[in-house]
Amino acid sequence: MQSLNSFLFGEETCFTIHGYPQCPYYQKAIQLGNHIDSNNKNIKIENKECNREEWKEYLEKETAGLGHKARYHTTCPLVIEGCTDDAKSFVGGYAEFLNYSKKNKLIKPKN
């Protein structure tokens, strides 16, 4: 998995944002991802969408193998860090992605 140290030393970090288009938090996560991507050359953001009606089944499939916390994630969006399947780790939803981004200085805090 790509860690903060890998990011600081110039290796690529990837985030995948999963959600359905009608979800306002998915739209916020996309905006945050675009902001991070445009300001950090080593970070790649990918967005994956599904229909709202398919979300529950889609979420179960995408969180399989991501650990205990991911099994209890039921809301949209779902944010995962990792550039390869074997390096993926659960970040959370929009709020967790925002907090993660601030904590790891991927975005500058507003004054």
PDB file of N, CA and C in Angstrom:
ATOM      1  N   MET A   1       0.850  -1.182   0.000  1.00  0.00           N
ATOM      2  CA  MET A   1       0.000   0.000   0.000  1.00  0.00           C
ATOM      3  C   MET A   1       0.888   1.234   0.000  1.00  0.00           C
ATOM      4  N   GLN A   2       0.463   2.254  -0.716  1.00  0.00           N
ATOM      5  CA  GLN A   2       1.185   3.516  -0.746  1.00  0.00           C
ATOM      6  C   GLN A   2       0.881   4.291   0.527  1.00  0.00           C
ATOM      7  N   SER A   3       1.879   4.623   1.270  1.00  0.00           N
ATOM      8  CA  SER A   3       1.696   5.343   2.524  1.00  0.00           C
ATOM      9  C   SER A   3       2.016   6.815   2.342  1.00  0.00           C
ATOM     10  N   LEU A   4       1.834   7.564   3.417  1.00  0.00           N
ATOM     11  CA  LEU A   4       2.198   8.976   3.390  1.00  0.00           C
ATOM     12  C   LEU A   4       3.681   9.128   3.075  1.00  0.00           C
ATOM     13  N   ASN A   5       4.515   8.265   3.639  1.00  0.00           N
ATOM     14  CA  ASN A   5       5.949   8.339   3.364  1.00  0.00           C
ATOM     15  C   ASN A   5       6.233   8.118   1.885  1.00  0.00           C
ATOM     16  N   SER A   6       5.525   7.165   1.280  1.00  0.00           N
ATOM     17  CA  SER A   6       5.706   6.944  -0.153  1.00  0.00           C
ATOM     18  C   SER A   6       5.332   8.195  -0.925  1.00  0.00           C
ATOM     19  N   PHE A   7       4.237   8.826  -0.518  1.00  0.00           N
ATOM     20  CA  PHE A   7       3.804  10.055  -1.171  1.00  0.00           C
ATOM     21  C   PHE A   7       4.868  11.139  -1.034  1.00  0.00           C
ATOM     22  N   LEU A   8       5.397  11.309   0.176  1.00  0.00           N
ATOM     23  CA  LEU A   8       6.386  12.358   0.416  1.00  0.00           C
ATOM     24  C   LEU A   8       7.660  12.141  -0.375  1.00  0.00           C
ATOM     25  N   PHE A   9       7.975  10.875  -0.660  1.00  0.00           N
ATOM     26  CA  PHE A   9       9.193  10.587  -1.396  1.00  0.00           C
ATOM     27  C   PHE A   9       8.959  10.424  -2.892  1.00  0.00           C
ATOM     28  N   GLY A  10       7.765  10.796  -3.360  1.00  0.00           N
ATOM     29  CA  GLY A  10       7.533  10.884  -4.783  1.00  0.00           C
ATOM     30  C   GLY A  10       6.877   9.692  -5.443  1.00  0.00           C
ATOM     31  N   GLU A  11       6.460   8.683  -4.691  1.00  0.00           N
ATOM     32  CA  GLU A  11       5.778   7.560  -5.308  1.00  0.00           C
ATOM     33  C   GLU A  11       4.292   7.879  -5.466  1.00  0.00           C
ATOM     34  N   GLU A  12       3.680   7.203  -6.396  1.00  0.00           N
ATOM     35  CA  GLU A  12       2.277   7.467  -6.697  1.00  0.00           C
ATOM     36  C   GLU A  12       1.340   6.950  -5.602  1.00  0.00           C
ATOM     37  N   THR A  13       0.310   7.730  -5.324  1.00  0.00           N
ATOM     38  CA  THR A  13      -0.768   7.351  -4.423  1.00  0.00           C
ATOM     39  C   THR A  13      -2.062   7.460  -5.217  1.00  0.00           C
ATOM     40  N   CYS A  14      -2.960   6.511  -5.008  1.00  0.00           N
ATOM     41  CA  CYS A  14      -4.217   6.483  -5.753  1.00  0.00           C
ATOM     42  C   CYS A  14      -5.404   6.431  -4.799  1.00  0.00           C
ATOM     43  N   PHE A  15      -6.472   7.094  -5.189  1.00  0.00           N
ATOM     44  CA  PHE A  15      -7.741   7.022  -4.475  1.00  0.00           C
ATOM     45  C   PHE A  15      -8.827   6.698  -5.492  1.00  0.00           C
ATOM     46  N   THR A  16      -9.738   5.821  -5.100  1.00  0.00           N
ATOM     47  CA  THR A  16     -10.910   5.528  -5.919  1.00  0.00           C
ATOM     48  C   THR A  16     -12.136   5.960  -5.130  1.00  0.00           C
ATOM     49  N   ILE A  17     -12.971   6.772  -5.769  1.00  0.00           N
ATOM     50  CA  ILE A  17     -14.195   7.270  -5.144  1.00  0.00           C
ATOM     51  C   ILE A  17     -15.366   6.574  -5.829  1.00  0.00           C
ATOM     52  N   HIS A  18     -16.101   5.773  -5.057  1.00  0.00           N
ATOM     53  CA  HIS A  18     -17.241   5.032  -5.563  1.00  0.00           C
ATOM     54  C   HIS A  18     -18.520   5.722  -5.101  1.00  0.00           C
ATOM     55  N   GLY A  19     -19.542   5.756  -5.955  1.00  0.00           N
ATOM     56  CA  GLY A  19     -20.806   6.331  -5.549  1.00  0.00           C
ATOM     57  C   GLY A  19     -21.822   6.353  -6.667  1.00  0.00           C
ATOM     58  N   TYR A  20     -22.960   6.941  -6.376  1.00  0.00           N
ATOM     59  CA  TYR A  20     -23.982   7.122  -7.405  1.00  0.00           C
ATOM     60  C   TYR A  20     -24.189   8.626  -7.618  1.00  0.00           C
ATOM     61  N   PRO A  21     -24.448   9.013  -8.856  1.00  0.00           N
ATOM     62  CA  PRO A  21     -24.446  10.435  -9.229  1.00  0.00           C
ATOM     63  C   PRO A  21     -25.397  11.322  -8.437  1.00  0.00           C
ATOM     64  N   GLN A  22     -26.516  10.791  -7.957  1.00  0.00           N
ATOM     65  CA  GLN A  22     -27.494  11.620  -7.249  1.00  0.00           C
ATOM     66  C   GLN A  22     -27.065  11.956  -5.826  1.00  0.00           C
ATOM     67  N   CYS A  23     -26.031  11.335  -5.321  1.00  0.00           N
ATOM     68  CA  CYS A  23     -25.603  11.540  -3.941  1.00  0.00           C
ATOM     69  C   CYS A  23     -24.788  12.831  -3.815  1.00  0.00           C
ATOM     70  N   PRO A  24     -25.243  13.784  -2.985  1.00  0.00           N
ATOM     71  CA  PRO A  24     -24.500  15.034  -2.833  1.00  0.00           C
ATOM     72  C   PRO A  24     -23.120  14.834  -2.197  1.00  0.00           C
ATOM     73  N   TYR A  25     -22.970  13.830  -1.341  1.00  0.00           N
ATOM     74  CA  TYR A  25     -21.667  13.582  -0.729  1.00  0.00           C
ATOM     75  C   TYR A  25     -20.690  12.948  -1.722  1.00  0.00           C
ATOM     76  N   TYR A  26     -21.211  12.176  -2.649  1.00  0.00           N
ATOM     77  CA  TYR A  26     -20.374  11.658  -3.729  1.00  0.00           C
ATOM     78  C   TYR A  26     -19.868  12.824  -4.569  1.00  0.00           C
ATOM     79  N   GLN A  27     -20.748  13.777  -4.869  1.00  0.00           N
ATOM     80  CA  GLN A  27     -20.339  14.944  -5.653  1.00  0.00           C
ATOM     81  C   GLN A  27     -19.283  15.765  -4.907  1.00  0.00           C
ATOM     82  N   LYS A  28     -19.443  15.912  -3.584  1.00  0.00           N
ATOM     83  CA  LYS A  28     -18.434  16.623  -2.784  1.00  0.00           C
ATOM     84  C   LYS A  28     -17.105  15.878  -2.791  1.00  0.00           C
ATOM     85  N   ALA A  29     -17.171  14.549  -2.690  1.00  0.00           N
ATOM     86  CA  ALA A  29     -15.941  13.742  -2.708  1.00  0.00           C
ATOM     87  C   ALA A  29     -15.229  13.878  -4.050  1.00  0.00           C
ATOM     88  N   ILE A  30     -15.986  13.924  -5.139  1.00  0.00           N
ATOM     89  CA  ILE A  30     -15.392  14.122  -6.468  1.00  0.00           C
ATOM     90  C   ILE A  30     -14.695  15.481  -6.532  1.00  0.00           C
ATOM     91  N   GLN A  31     -15.352  16.524  -6.029  1.00  0.00           N
ATOM     92  CA  GLN A  31     -14.748  17.856  -6.027  1.00  0.00           C
ATOM     93  C   GLN A  31     -13.463  17.865  -5.200  1.00  0.00           C
ATOM     94  N   LEU A  32     -13.490  17.227  -4.032  1.00  0.00           N
ATOM     95  CA  LEU A  32     -12.297  17.145  -3.198  1.00  0.00           C
ATOM     96  C   LEU A  32     -11.197  16.379  -3.924  1.00  0.00           C
ATOM     97  N   GLY A  33     -11.562  15.261  -4.529  1.00  0.00           N
ATOM     98  CA  GLY A  33     -10.590  14.470  -5.286  1.00  0.00           C
ATOM     99  C   GLY A  33      -9.974  15.255  -6.427  1.00  0.00           C
ATOM    100  N   ASN A  34     -10.791  16.006  -7.145  1.00  0.00           N
ATOM    101  CA  ASN A  34     -10.274  16.828  -8.248  1.00  0.00           C
ATOM    102  C   ASN A  34      -9.311  17.889  -7.730  1.00  0.00           C
ATOM    103  N   HIS A  35      -9.635  18.489  -6.585  1.00  0.00           N
ATOM    104  CA  HIS A  35      -8.764  19.494  -5.986  1.00  0.00           C
ATOM    105  C   HIS A  35      -7.421  18.871  -5.589  1.00  0.00           C
ATOM    106  N   ILE A  36      -7.477  17.718  -4.954  1.00  0.00           N
ATOM    107  CA  ILE A  36      -6.250  17.014  -4.537  1.00  0.00           C
ATOM    108  C   ILE A  36      -5.425  16.647  -5.764  1.00  0.00           C
ATOM    109  N   ASP A  37      -6.078  16.085  -6.774  1.00  0.00           N
ATOM    110  CA  ASP A  37      -5.404  15.646  -7.991  1.00  0.00           C
ATOM    111  C   ASP A  37      -4.716  16.805  -8.700  1.00  0.00           C
ATOM    112  N   SER A  38      -5.380  17.961  -8.752  1.00  0.00           N
ATOM    113  CA  SER A  38      -4.813  19.100  -9.471  1.00  0.00           C
ATOM    114  C   SER A  38      -3.654  19.755  -8.724  1.00  0.00           C
ATOM    115  N   ASN A  39      -3.548  19.522  -7.422  1.00  0.00           N
ATOM    116  CA  ASN A  39      -2.491  20.142  -6.626  1.00  0.00           C
ATOM    117  C   ASN A  39      -1.384  19.191  -6.191  1.00  0.00           C
ATOM    118  N   ASN A  40      -1.480  17.927  -6.566  1.00  0.00           N
ATOM    119  CA  ASN A  40      -0.485  16.925  -6.166  1.00  0.00           C
ATOM    120  C   ASN A  40      -0.188  16.019  -7.349  1.00  0.00           C
ATOM    121  N   LYS A  41       0.978  16.189  -7.947  1.00  0.00           N
ATOM    122  CA  LYS A  41       1.282  15.457  -9.175  1.00  0.00           C
ATOM    123  C   LYS A  41       1.403  13.953  -8.975  1.00  0.00           C
ATOM    124  N   ASN A  42       1.626  13.484  -7.754  1.00  0.00           N
ATOM    125  CA  ASN A  42       1.798  12.053  -7.507  1.00  0.00           C
ATOM    126  C   ASN A  42       0.529  11.366  -7.016  1.00  0.00           C
ATOM    127  N   ILE A  43      -0.584  12.065  -7.036  1.00  0.00           N
ATOM    128  CA  ILE A  43      -1.843  11.488  -6.580  1.00  0.00           C
ATOM    129  C   ILE A  43      -2.784  11.361  -7.768  1.00  0.00           C
ATOM    130  N   LYS A  44      -3.325  10.172  -7.919  1.00  0.00           N
ATOM    131  CA  LYS A  44      -4.279   9.897  -8.992  1.00  0.00           C
ATOM    132  C   LYS A  44      -5.634   9.596  -8.371  1.00  0.00           C
ATOM    133  N   ILE A  45      -6.678  10.179  -8.930  1.00  0.00           N
ATOM    134  CA  ILE A  45      -8.043   9.995  -8.459  1.00  0.00           C
ATOM    135  C   ILE A  45      -8.856   9.333  -9.558  1.00  0.00           C
ATOM    136  N   GLU A  46      -9.586   8.295  -9.180  1.00  0.00           N
ATOM    137  CA  GLU A  46     -10.486   7.633 -10.120  1.00  0.00           C
ATOM    138  C   GLU A  46     -11.887   7.629  -9.516  1.00  0.00           C
ATOM    139  N   ASN A  47     -12.885   7.905 -10.332  1.00  0.00           N
ATOM    140  CA  ASN A  47     -14.278   7.885  -9.891  1.00  0.00           C
ATOM    141  C   ASN A  47     -14.983   6.712 -10.549  1.00  0.00           C
ATOM    142  N   LYS A  48     -15.737   5.954  -9.737  1.00  0.00           N
ATOM    143  CA  LYS A  48     -16.517   4.833 -10.259  1.00  0.00           C
ATOM    144  C   LYS A  48     -17.951   4.998  -9.808  1.00  0.00           C
ATOM    145  N   GLU A  49     -18.865   4.954 -10.780  1.00  0.00           N
ATOM    146  CA  GLU A  49     -20.280   5.173 -10.487  1.00  0.00           C
ATOM    147  C   GLU A  49     -21.108   3.924 -10.736  1.00  0.00           C
ATOM    148  N   CYS A  50     -22.205   3.843  -9.999  1.00  0.00           N
ATOM    149  CA  CYS A  50     -23.214   2.819 -10.236  1.00  0.00           C
ATOM    150  C   CYS A  50     -24.577   3.466 -10.053  1.00  0.00           C
ATOM    151  N   ASN A  51     -25.624   2.741 -10.364  1.00  0.00           N
ATOM    152  CA  ASN A  51     -26.984   3.232 -10.151  1.00  0.00           C
ATOM    153  C   ASN A  51     -27.320   3.171  -8.668  1.00  0.00           C
ATOM    154  N   ARG A  52     -28.128   4.095  -8.221  1.00  0.00           N
ATOM    155  CA  ARG A  52     -28.521   4.130  -6.806  1.00  0.00           C
ATOM    156  C   ARG A  52     -29.183   2.807  -6.390  1.00  0.00           C
ATOM    157  N   GLU A  53     -29.982   2.248  -7.252  1.00  0.00           N
ATOM    158  CA  GLU A  53     -30.683   1.005  -6.959  1.00  0.00           C
ATOM    159  C   GLU A  53     -29.711  -0.162  -6.747  1.00  0.00           C
ATOM    160  N   GLU A  54     -28.539  -0.088  -7.320  1.00  0.00           N
ATOM    161  CA  GLU A  54     -27.533  -1.154  -7.221  1.00  0.00           C
ATOM    162  C   GLU A  54     -26.522  -0.904  -6.103  1.00  0.00           C
ATOM    163  N   TRP A  55     -26.637   0.221  -5.390  1.00  0.00           N
ATOM    164  CA  TRP A  55     -25.605   0.647  -4.454  1.00  0.00           C
ATOM    165  C   TRP A  55     -25.296  -0.383  -3.376  1.00  0.00           C
ATOM    166  N   LYS A  56     -26.295  -0.945  -2.730  1.00  0.00           N
ATOM    167  CA  LYS A  56     -26.060  -1.873  -1.626  1.00  0.00           C
ATOM    168  C   LYS A  56     -25.243  -3.086  -2.091  1.00  0.00           C
ATOM    169  N   GLU A  57     -25.650  -3.682  -3.196  1.00  0.00           N
ATOM    170  CA  GLU A  57     -24.940  -4.843  -3.739  1.00  0.00           C
ATOM    171  C   GLU A  57     -23.533  -4.448  -4.198  1.00  0.00           C
ATOM    172  N   TYR A  58     -23.430  -3.306  -4.859  1.00  0.00           N
ATOM    173  CA  TYR A  58     -22.150  -2.792  -5.339  1.00  0.00           C
ATOM    174  C   TYR A  58     -21.196  -2.559  -4.170  1.00  0.00           C
ATOM    175  N   LEU A  59     -21.705  -1.960  -3.107  1.00  0.00           N
ATOM    176  CA  LEU A  59     -20.908  -1.652  -1.928  1.00  0.00           C
ATOM    177  C   LEU A  59     -20.386  -2.924  -1.274  1.00  0.00           C
ATOM    178  N   GLU A  60     -21.233  -3.935  -1.141  1.00  0.00           N
ATOM    179  CA  GLU A  60     -20.807  -5.217  -0.557  1.00  0.00           C
ATOM    180  C   GLU A  60     -19.655  -5.815  -1.351  1.00  0.00           C
ATOM    181  N   LYS A  61     -19.759  -5.751  -2.667  1.00  0.00           N
ATOM    182  CA  LYS A  61     -18.709  -6.287  -3.540  1.00  0.00           C
ATOM    183  C   LYS A  61     -17.403  -5.504  -3.375  1.00  0.00           C
ATOM    184  N   GLU A  62     -17.498  -4.183  -3.370  1.00  0.00           N
ATOM    185  CA  GLU A  62     -16.304  -3.337  -3.314  1.00  0.00           C
ATOM    186  C   GLU A  62     -15.615  -3.348  -1.945  1.00  0.00           C
ATOM    187  N   THR A  63     -16.363  -3.581  -0.868  1.00  0.00           N
ATOM    188  CA  THR A  63     -15.756  -3.567   0.471  1.00  0.00           C
ATOM    189  C   THR A  63     -15.257  -4.942   0.907  1.00  0.00           C
ATOM    190  N   ALA A  64     -15.565  -5.983   0.141  1.00  0.00           N
ATOM    191  CA  ALA A  64     -15.087  -7.323   0.487  1.00  0.00           C
ATOM    192  C   ALA A  64     -13.567  -7.332   0.541  1.00  0.00           C
ATOM    193  N   GLY A  65     -13.027  -7.808   1.629  1.00  0.00           N
ATOM    194  CA  GLY A  65     -11.580  -7.898   1.775  1.00  0.00           C
ATOM    195  C   GLY A  65     -10.901  -6.629   2.240  1.00  0.00           C
ATOM    196  N   LEU A  66     -11.667  -5.597   2.577  1.00  0.00           N
ATOM    197  CA  LEU A  66     -11.059  -4.333   3.015  1.00  0.00           C
ATOM    198  C   LEU A  66     -11.016  -4.189   4.535  1.00  0.00           C
ATOM    199  N   GLY A  67     -11.446  -5.203   5.255  1.00  0.00           N
ATOM    200  CA  GLY A  67     -11.333  -5.148   6.705  1.00  0.00           C
ATOM    201  C   GLY A  67     -12.633  -4.875   7.419  1.00  0.00           C
ATOM    202  N   HIS A  68     -12.523  -4.900   8.740  1.00  0.00           N
ATOM    203  CA  HIS A  68     -13.655  -4.808   9.638  1.00  0.00           C
ATOM    204  C   HIS A  68     -14.462  -3.525   9.458  1.00  0.00           C
ATOM    205  N   LYS A  69     -13.797  -2.380   9.426  1.00  0.00           N
ATOM    206  CA  LYS A  69     -14.509  -1.104   9.308  1.00  0.00           C
ATOM    207  C   LYS A  69     -15.287  -1.005   8.001  1.00  0.00           C
ATOM    208  N   ALA A  70     -14.709  -1.498   6.937  1.00  0.00           N
ATOM    209  CA  ALA A  70     -15.349  -1.410   5.623  1.00  0.00           C
ATOM    210  C   ALA A  70     -16.652  -2.201   5.580  1.00  0.00           C
ATOM    211  N   ARG A  71     -16.732  -3.296   6.311  1.00  0.00           N
ATOM    212  CA  ARG A  71     -17.960  -4.104   6.318  1.00  0.00           C
ATOM    213  C   ARG A  71     -19.149  -3.335   6.858  1.00  0.00           C
ATOM    214  N   TYR A  72     -18.892  -2.360   7.724  1.00  0.00           N
ATOM    215  CA  TYR A  72     -19.968  -1.593   8.347  1.00  0.00           C
ATOM    216  C   TYR A  72     -20.261  -0.269   7.645  1.00  0.00           C
ATOM    217  N   HIS A  73     -19.554  -0.015   6.575  1.00  0.00           N
ATOM    218  CA  HIS A  73     -19.794   1.208   5.804  1.00  0.00           C
ATOM    219  C   HIS A  73     -21.005   0.976   4.907  1.00  0.00           C
ATOM    220  N   THR A  74     -22.051   1.781   5.069  1.00  0.00           N
ATOM    221  CA  THR A  74     -23.279   1.573   4.297  1.00  0.00           C
ATOM    222  C   THR A  74     -23.698   2.783   3.480  1.00  0.00           C
ATOM    223  N   THR A  75     -22.964   3.867   3.575  1.00  0.00           N
ATOM    224  CA  THR A  75     -23.384   5.103   2.917  1.00  0.00           C
ATOM    225  C   THR A  75     -22.573   5.388   1.665  1.00  0.00           C
ATOM    226  N   CYS A  76     -23.042   6.345   0.922  1.00  0.00           N
ATOM    227  CA  CYS A  76     -22.366   6.823  -0.278  1.00  0.00           C
ATOM    228  C   CYS A  76     -21.697   8.142   0.071  1.00  0.00           C
ATOM    229  N   PRO A  77     -20.460   8.334  -0.360  1.00  0.00           N
ATOM    230  CA  PRO A  77     -19.609   7.515  -1.216  1.00  0.00           C
ATOM    231  C   PRO A  77     -18.756   6.542  -0.407  1.00  0.00           C
ATOM    232  N   LEU A  78     -17.979   5.777  -1.129  1.00  0.00           N
ATOM    233  CA  LEU A  78     -16.966   4.889  -0.568  1.00  0.00           C
ATOM    234  C   LEU A  78     -15.632   5.326  -1.159  1.00  0.00           C
ATOM    235  N   VAL A  79     -14.654   5.607  -0.298  1.00  0.00           N
ATOM    236  CA  VAL A  79     -13.333   6.034  -0.772  1.00  0.00           C
ATOM    237  C   VAL A  79     -12.313   4.985  -0.355  1.00  0.00           C
ATOM    238  N   ILE A  80     -11.512   4.553  -1.322  1.00  0.00           N
ATOM    239  CA  ILE A  80     -10.481   3.536  -1.107  1.00  0.00           C
ATOM    240  C   ILE A  80      -9.150   4.097  -1.571  1.00  0.00           C
ATOM    241  N   GLU A  81      -8.106   3.845  -0.780  1.00  0.00           N
ATOM    242  CA  GLU A  81      -6.751   4.240  -1.166  1.00  0.00           C
ATOM    243  C   GLU A  81      -6.015   3.011  -1.659  1.00  0.00           C
ATOM    244  N   GLY A  82      -5.181   3.177  -2.664  1.00  0.00           N
ATOM    245  CA  GLY A  82      -4.341   2.091  -3.163  1.00  0.00           C
ATOM    246  C   GLY A  82      -4.343   2.045  -4.676  1.00  0.00           C
ATOM    247  N   CYS A  83      -3.159   1.819  -5.228  1.00  0.00           N
ATOM    248  CA  CYS A  83      -3.018   1.807  -6.686  1.00  0.00           C
ATOM    249  C   CYS A  83      -3.198   0.421  -7.292  1.00  0.00           C
ATOM    250  N   THR A  84      -3.090  -0.620  -6.478  1.00  0.00           N
ATOM    251  CA  THR A  84      -3.277  -1.986  -6.966  1.00  0.00           C
ATOM    252  C   THR A  84      -4.259  -2.712  -6.055  1.00  0.00           C
ATOM    253  N   ASP A  85      -4.839  -3.784  -6.557  1.00  0.00           N
ATOM    254  CA  ASP A  85      -5.825  -4.536  -5.779  1.00  0.00           C
ATOM    255  C   ASP A  85      -5.274  -5.029  -4.448  1.00  0.00           C
ATOM    256  N   ASP A  86      -4.039  -5.463  -4.426  1.00  0.00           N
ATOM    257  CA  ASP A  86      -3.464  -5.999  -3.179  1.00  0.00           C
ATOM    258  C   ASP A  86      -3.014  -4.899  -2.218  1.00  0.00           C
ATOM    259  N   ALA A  87      -3.062  -3.652  -2.653  1.00  0.00           N
ATOM    260  CA  ALA A  87      -2.625  -2.543  -1.799  1.00  0.00           C
ATOM    261  C   ALA A  87      -3.782  -1.654  -1.355  1.00  0.00           C
ATOM    262  N   LYS A  88      -5.016  -2.074  -1.599  1.00  0.00           N
ATOM    263  CA  LYS A  88      -6.158  -1.222  -1.286  1.00  0.00           C
ATOM    264  C   LYS A  88      -6.442  -1.194   0.212  1.00  0.00           C
ATOM    265  N   SER A  89      -6.823   0.001   0.686  1.00  0.00           N
ATOM    266  CA  SER A  89      -7.230   0.150   2.079  1.00  0.00           C
ATOM    267  C   SER A  89      -8.439   1.081   2.155  1.00  0.00           C
ATOM    268  N   PHE A  90      -9.275   0.826   3.121  1.00  0.00           N
ATOM    269  CA  PHE A  90     -10.512   1.561   3.335  1.00  0.00           C
ATOM    270  C   PHE A  90     -10.208   2.921   3.947  1.00  0.00           C
ATOM    271  N   VAL A  91     -10.734   3.980   3.331  1.00  0.00           N
ATOM    272  CA  VAL A  91     -10.633   5.326   3.890  1.00  0.00           C
ATOM    273  C   VAL A  91     -11.940   5.669   4.594  1.00  0.00           C
ATOM    274  N   GLY A  92     -13.069   5.494   3.915  1.00  0.00           N
ATOM    275  CA  GLY A  92     -14.375   5.787   4.492  1.00  0.00           C
ATOM    276  C   GLY A  92     -15.262   6.486   3.489  1.00  0.00           C
ATOM    277  N   GLY A  93     -16.111   7.374   3.986  1.00  0.00           N
ATOM    278  CA  GLY A  93     -16.980   8.179   3.147  1.00  0.00           C
ATOM    279  C   GLY A  93     -16.378   9.558   2.932  1.00  0.00           C
ATOM    280  N   TYR A  94     -17.229  10.514   2.586  1.00  0.00           N
ATOM    281  CA  TYR A  94     -16.742  11.858   2.305  1.00  0.00           C
ATOM    282  C   TYR A  94     -16.059  12.492   3.522  1.00  0.00           C
ATOM    283  N   ALA A  95     -16.689  12.431   4.690  1.00  0.00           N
ATOM    284  CA  ALA A  95     -16.122  13.078   5.888  1.00  0.00           C
ATOM    285  C   ALA A  95     -14.759  12.495   6.231  1.00  0.00           C
ATOM    286  N   GLU A  96     -14.622  11.183   6.139  1.00  0.00           N
ATOM    287  CA  GLU A  96     -13.332  10.549   6.439  1.00  0.00           C
ATOM    288  C   GLU A  96     -12.283  10.922   5.391  1.00  0.00           C
ATOM    289  N   PHE A  97     -12.697  11.011   4.123  1.00  0.00           N
ATOM    290  CA  PHE A  97     -11.789  11.416   3.050  1.00  0.00           C
ATOM    291  C   PHE A  97     -11.303  12.850   3.279  1.00  0.00           C
ATOM    292  N   LEU A  98     -12.207  13.734   3.673  1.00  0.00           N
ATOM    293  CA  LEU A  98     -11.846  15.116   3.966  1.00  0.00           C
ATOM    294  C   LEU A  98     -10.880  15.177   5.146  1.00  0.00           C
ATOM    295  N   ASN A  99     -11.180  14.471   6.224  1.00  0.00           N
ATOM    296  CA  ASN A  99     -10.289  14.453   7.398  1.00  0.00           C
ATOM    297  C   ASN A  99      -8.933  13.854   7.058  1.00  0.00           C
ATOM    298  N   TYR A 100      -8.928  12.761   6.303  1.00  0.00           N
ATOM    299  CA  TYR A 100      -7.686  12.125   5.874  1.00  0.00           C
ATOM    300  C   TYR A 100      -6.852  13.116   5.057  1.00  0.00           C
ATOM    301  N   SER A 101      -7.516  13.831   4.167  1.00  0.00           N
ATOM    302  CA  SER A 101      -6.826  14.797   3.300  1.00  0.00           C
ATOM    303  C   SER A 101      -6.194  15.927   4.106  1.00  0.00           C
ATOM    304  N   LYS A 102      -6.910  16.402   5.117  1.00  0.00           N
ATOM    305  CA  LYS A 102      -6.366  17.457   5.980  1.00  0.00           C
ATOM    306  C   LYS A 102      -5.218  16.927   6.826  1.00  0.00           C
ATOM    307  N   LYS A 103      -5.419  15.779   7.437  1.00  0.00           N
ATOM    308  CA  LYS A 103      -4.410  15.185   8.321  1.00  0.00           C
ATOM    309  C   LYS A 103      -3.094  14.929   7.586  1.00  0.00           C
ATOM    310  N   ASN A 104      -3.202  14.478   6.343  1.00  0.00           N
ATOM    311  CA  ASN A 104      -2.011  14.147   5.556  1.00  0.00           C
ATOM    312  C   ASN A 104      -1.566  15.282   4.649  1.00  0.00           C
ATOM    313  N   LYS A 105      -2.150  16.469   4.893  1.00  0.00           N
ATOM    314  CA  LYS A 105      -1.761  17.692   4.173  1.00  0.00           C
ATOM    315  C   LYS A 105      -1.870  17.570   2.651  1.00  0.00           C
ATOM    316  N   LEU A 106      -2.921  16.863   2.213  1.00  0.00           N
ATOM    317  CA  LEU A 106      -3.205  16.784   0.795  1.00  0.00           C
ATOM    318  C   LEU A 106      -3.944  18.024   0.323  1.00  0.00           C
ATOM    319  N   ILE A 107      -4.573  18.707   1.285  1.00  0.00           N
ATOM    320  CA  ILE A 107      -5.220  20.002   1.031  1.00  0.00           C
ATOM    321  C   ILE A 107      -4.788  20.958   2.128  1.00  0.00           C
ATOM    322  N   LYS A 108      -4.863  22.225   1.826  1.00  0.00           N
ATOM    323  CA  LYS A 108      -4.509  23.234   2.823  1.00  0.00           C
ATOM    324  C   LYS A 108      -5.756  23.593   3.614  1.00  0.00           C
ATOM    325  N   PRO A 109      -5.661  23.649   4.956  1.00  0.00           N
ATOM    326  CA  PRO A 109      -6.817  24.037   5.750  1.00  0.00           C
ATOM    327  C   PRO A 109      -7.201  25.482   5.479  1.00  0.00           C
ATOM    328  N   LYS A 110      -8.504  25.748   5.525  1.00  0.00           N
ATOM    329  CA  LYS A 110      -8.991  27.117   5.332  1.00  0.00           C
ATOM    330  C   LYS A 110      -8.780  27.910   6.604  1.00  0.00           C
ATOM    331  N   ASN A 111      -8.392  29.158   6.445  1.00  0.00           N
ATOM    332  CA  ASN A 111      -8.165  30.023   7.615  1.00  0.00           C
ATOM    333  C   ASN A 111      -9.441  30.682   8.050  1.00  0.00           C
TER     334      ASN A 111
END
